[in-house]
Amino acid sequence: MRQQGATLAAGRAGPRAAGRLAAAGGLALVVAVALYAVGRTHTPDFTMGLLGRHGLAAGRLKAQLATAMLGLGLVQLTLAL
C-alpha cells in the first residue's frame, strides 16, 4: 500500500514542478528585460570614484577586492569539506 501511495505522490509532482519551472523562467525573463532596459537608458558617469579612486585605480581596486572575495570563498568551501 505504501509503494502505491509514493507512486501517486510522485505522479502528482510533475505538473507542480513544471509550474515552478515556468515561474522561474518567467522571473528570469523579467529580470533580463529589466536589465536590458536599464542598460539602454543609463548613461555612465566616469567621474564617479570607488573609495576615492578614479579611472584605472578604481578598476585595479575592484579587481583586488574581487580576488579577495574569491579567496575567501575558496577558504569557506575548503572549511566546509
Protein backbone atom coordinates (compact mmCIF):
# COMPACT_ATOMS: atom_id res chain seq x y z
CA MET A 1 0.00 0.00 0.00
CA ARG A 2 2.82 2.35 0.85
CA GLN A 3 4.53 1.87 -2.52
CA GLN A 4 1.37 2.78 -4.38
CA GLY A 5 0.92 6.00 -2.39
CA ALA A 6 4.52 7.03 -3.09
CA THR A 7 3.96 6.43 -6.82
CA LEU A 8 0.83 8.55 -6.81
CA ALA A 9 2.61 11.35 -4.98
CA ALA A 10 5.47 11.27 -7.46
CA GLY A 11 2.99 11.33 -10.34
CA ARG A 12 1.35 14.46 -8.96
CA ALA A 13 4.66 16.26 -8.53
CA GLY A 14 5.13 16.52 -12.31
CA PRO A 15 2.69 19.36 -13.10
CA ARG A 16 3.66 21.19 -9.93
CA ALA A 17 7.35 21.02 -10.84
CA ALA A 18 6.54 22.19 -14.36
CA GLY A 19 4.68 25.18 -12.94
CA ARG A 20 7.61 26.06 -10.70
CA LEU A 21 9.98 25.79 -13.64
CA ALA A 22 7.73 28.03 -15.73
CA ALA A 23 7.58 30.58 -12.89
CA ALA A 24 11.37 30.57 -12.56
CA GLY A 25 11.74 31.00 -16.32
CA GLY A 26 9.25 33.87 -16.30
CA LEU A 27 11.10 35.57 -13.45
CA ALA A 28 14.40 35.16 -15.30
CA LEU A 29 12.82 36.73 -18.39
CA VAL A 30 11.53 39.70 -16.36
CA VAL A 31 14.97 40.26 -14.82
CA ALA A 32 16.67 40.04 -18.23
CA VAL A 33 14.25 42.57 -19.75
CA ALA A 34 14.69 44.93 -16.79
CA LEU A 35 18.49 44.75 -17.05
CA TYR A 36 18.29 45.39 -20.79
CA ALA A 37 16.03 48.41 -20.28
CA VAL A 38 18.28 49.91 -17.60
CA GLY A 39 21.37 49.26 -19.72
CA ARG A 40 19.84 51.02 -22.72
CA THR A 41 18.74 54.12 -20.80
CA HIS A 42 21.59 54.51 -18.28
CA THR A 43 24.35 56.95 -19.12
CA PRO A 44 27.60 56.08 -17.31
CA ASP A 45 29.29 58.77 -15.24
CA PHE A 46 33.04 58.24 -15.47
CA THR A 47 33.75 60.90 -12.86
CA MET A 48 32.36 58.67 -10.11
CA GLY A 49 35.01 57.06 -7.98
CA LEU A 50 35.32 53.99 -5.81
CA LEU A 51 36.57 54.71 -2.31
CA GLY A 52 38.28 57.86 -3.54
CA ARG A 53 39.90 56.24 -6.58
CA HIS A 54 39.10 57.07 -10.18
CA GLY A 55 39.80 55.56 -13.58
CA LEU A 56 42.33 52.74 -13.73
CA ALA A 57 42.95 52.90 -9.98
CA ALA A 58 39.26 52.14 -9.36
CA GLY A 59 39.41 49.21 -11.76
CA ARG A 60 42.51 47.87 -10.02
CA LEU A 61 40.81 48.23 -6.64
CA LYS A 62 37.76 46.34 -7.88
CA ALA A 63 39.99 43.56 -9.21
CA GLN A 64 41.80 43.31 -5.87
CA LEU A 65 38.51 43.21 -3.95
CA ALA A 66 37.13 40.54 -6.28
CA THR A 67 40.29 38.47 -5.86
CA ALA A 68 39.99 38.75 -2.08
CA MET A 69 36.34 37.64 -2.24
CA LEU A 70 37.29 34.68 -4.43
CA GLY A 71 39.98 33.69 -1.95
CA LEU A 72 37.58 33.95 0.98
CA GLY A 73 35.03 31.87 -0.93
CA LEU A 74 37.62 29.18 -1.54
CA VAL A 75 38.58 29.19 2.14
CA GLN A 76 34.91 28.84 3.09
CA LEU A 77 34.46 25.99 0.62
CA THR A 78 37.57 24.24 1.94
CA LEU A 79 36.41 24.58 5.54
CA ALA A 80 33.01 23.17 4.64
CA LEU A 81 34.54 19.93 3.38
